[in-house]
Amino acid sequence: MKTAYIIFTLLQALASNALAPREPDTVTAERVYHTMITEAPYMVDMTTTVTWTVPNTQIQSSTSVPTASTTS
């Protein structure tokens, strides 16, 4: 009986954590590229950083198929 109670308690704890709101996931991409400048050392590395925030919920979207239309 004690093991059933322990298992039930653990399952409840896991279920409550799954339903708790989470922070949105953040994805960061960094691009490093070479560029020329007019001063020494003349060639330097430049970086560009792009950050996306991914929502935790699924986004409902209605996609429509574009149709060809002719105008006279």
C-alpha atoms as a PDB file:
ATOM      1  CA  MET A   1       0.000   0.000   0.000  1.00  0.00           C
ATOM      2  CA  LYS A   2       2.893   2.346   0.734  1.00  0.00           C
ATOM      3  CA  THR A   3       4.393   1.807  -2.723  1.00  0.00           C
ATOM      4  CA  ALA A   4       1.059   2.631  -4.347  1.00  0.00           C
ATOM      5  CA  TYR A   5       0.917   5.872  -2.341  1.00  0.00           C
ATOM      6  CA  ILE A   6       4.526   6.757  -3.294  1.00  0.00           C
ATOM      7  CA  ILE A   7       3.880   6.040  -6.973  1.00  0.00           C
ATOM      8  CA  PHE A   8       0.657   8.079  -6.889  1.00  0.00           C
ATOM      9  CA  THR A   9       2.462  11.019  -5.244  1.00  0.00           C
ATOM     10  CA  LEU A  10       5.301  10.925  -7.784  1.00  0.00           C
ATOM     11  CA  LEU A  11       2.854  10.828 -10.697  1.00  0.00           C
ATOM     12  CA  GLN A  12       0.968  13.806  -9.291  1.00  0.00           C
ATOM     13  CA  ALA A  13       4.200  15.764  -8.913  1.00  0.00           C
ATOM     14  CA  LEU A  14       5.226  14.976 -12.485  1.00  0.00           C
ATOM     15  CA  ALA A  15       1.807  15.919 -13.832  1.00  0.00           C
ATOM     16  CA  SER A  16       1.768  19.256 -12.016  1.00  0.00           C
ATOM     17  CA  ASN A  17       5.231  20.128 -13.368  1.00  0.00           C
ATOM     18  CA  ALA A  18       4.141  19.319 -16.906  1.00  0.00           C
ATOM     19  CA  LEU A  19       1.212  21.729 -16.668  1.00  0.00           C
ATOM     20  CA  ALA A  20       3.176  24.574 -15.095  1.00  0.00           C
ATOM     21  CA  PRO A  21       3.849  27.554 -17.395  1.00  0.00           C
ATOM     22  CA  ARG A  22       7.389  27.567 -18.756  1.00  0.00           C
ATOM     23  CA  GLU A  23       9.634  30.309 -19.984  1.00  0.00           C
ATOM     24  CA  PRO A  24       9.743  30.589 -23.778  1.00  0.00           C
ATOM     25  CA  ASP A  25      12.727  28.977 -25.473  1.00  0.00           C
ATOM     26  CA  THR A  26      15.325  31.370 -26.843  1.00  0.00           C
ATOM     27  CA  VAL A  27      17.467  30.484 -29.841  1.00  0.00           C
ATOM     28  CA  THR A  28      20.563  32.515 -30.692  1.00  0.00           C
ATOM     29  CA  ALA A  29      22.635  32.323 -33.867  1.00  0.00           C
ATOM     30  CA  GLU A  30      25.938  34.111 -34.330  1.00  0.00           C
ATOM     31  CA  ARG A  31      27.514  34.669 -37.735  1.00  0.00           C
ATOM     32  CA  VAL A  32      31.213  35.533 -37.982  1.00  0.00           C
ATOM     33  CA  TYR A  33      32.532  36.867 -41.263  1.00  0.00           C
ATOM     34  CA  HIS A  34      35.667  38.612 -42.557  1.00  0.00           C
ATOM     35  CA  THR A  35      35.554  42.203 -43.783  1.00  0.00           C
ATOM     36  CA  MET A  36      38.042  44.766 -45.051  1.00  0.00           C
ATOM     37  CA  ILE A  37      38.635  48.139 -43.400  1.00  0.00           C
ATOM     38  CA  THR A  38      40.826  51.103 -44.365  1.00  0.00           C
ATOM     39  CA  GLU A  39      43.055  50.968 -41.258  1.00  0.00           C
ATOM     40  CA  ALA A  40      45.514  48.350 -40.013  1.00  0.00           C
ATOM     41  CA  PRO A  41      45.054  45.326 -39.618  1.00  0.00           C
ATOM     42  CA  TYR A  42      42.866  45.840 -42.772  1.00  0.00           C
ATOM     43  CA  MET A  43      41.029  42.527 -42.376  1.00  0.00           C
ATOM     44  CA  VAL A  44      38.886  42.018 -39.292  1.00  0.00           C
ATOM     45  CA  ASP A  45      36.197  39.635 -38.113  1.00  0.00           C
ATOM     46  CA  MET A  46      32.694  41.036 -37.758  1.00  0.00           C
ATOM     47  CA  THR A  47      29.830  39.289 -35.978  1.00  0.00           C
ATOM     48  CA  THR A  48      26.086  39.431 -36.328  1.00  0.00           C
ATOM     49  CA  THR A  49      23.856  37.961 -33.627  1.00  0.00           C
ATOM     50  CA  VAL A  50      20.211  37.057 -34.248  1.00  0.00           C
ATOM     51  CA  THR A  51      17.922  35.982 -31.395  1.00  0.00           C
ATOM     52  CA  TRP A  52      14.540  34.269 -31.725  1.00  0.00           C
ATOM     53  CA  THR A  53      12.032  33.588 -28.983  1.00  0.00           C
ATOM     54  CA  VAL A  54      10.062  30.418 -29.626  1.00  0.00           C
ATOM     55  CA  PRO A  55       6.620  30.287 -27.976  1.00  0.00           C
ATOM     56  CA  ASN A  56       5.738  27.236 -25.917  1.00  0.00           C
ATOM     57  CA  THR A  57       2.282  26.888 -27.422  1.00  0.00           C
ATOM     58  CA  GLN A  58       1.430  25.769 -30.888  1.00  0.00           C
ATOM     59  CA  ILE A  59       0.336  28.534 -33.204  1.00  0.00           C
ATOM     60  CA  GLN A  60      -2.905  27.903 -35.037  1.00  0.00           C
ATOM     61  CA  SER A  61      -2.562  28.949 -38.626  1.00  0.00           C
ATOM     62  CA  SER A  62      -4.896  28.691 -41.533  1.00  0.00           C
ATOM     63  CA  THR A  63      -2.925  28.204 -44.687  1.00  0.00           C
ATOM     64  CA  SER A  64      -4.570  28.938 -47.961  1.00  0.00           C
ATOM     65  CA  VAL A  65      -3.300  27.699 -51.260  1.00  0.00           C
ATOM     66  CA  PRO A  66      -2.697  30.576 -53.674  1.00  0.00           C
ATOM     67  CA  THR A  67      -4.625  30.250 -56.887  1.00  0.00           C
ATOM     68  CA  ALA A  68      -3.678  31.625 -60.252  1.00  0.00           C
ATOM     69  CA  SER A  69      -5.874  34.439 -61.439  1.00  0.00           C
ATOM     70  CA  THR A  70      -5.977  36.055 -64.827  1.00  0.00           C
ATOM     71  CA  THR A  71      -6.920  39.638 -65.436  1.00  0.00           C
ATOM     72  CA  SER A  72      -8.199  40.920 -68.741  1.00  0.00           C
END
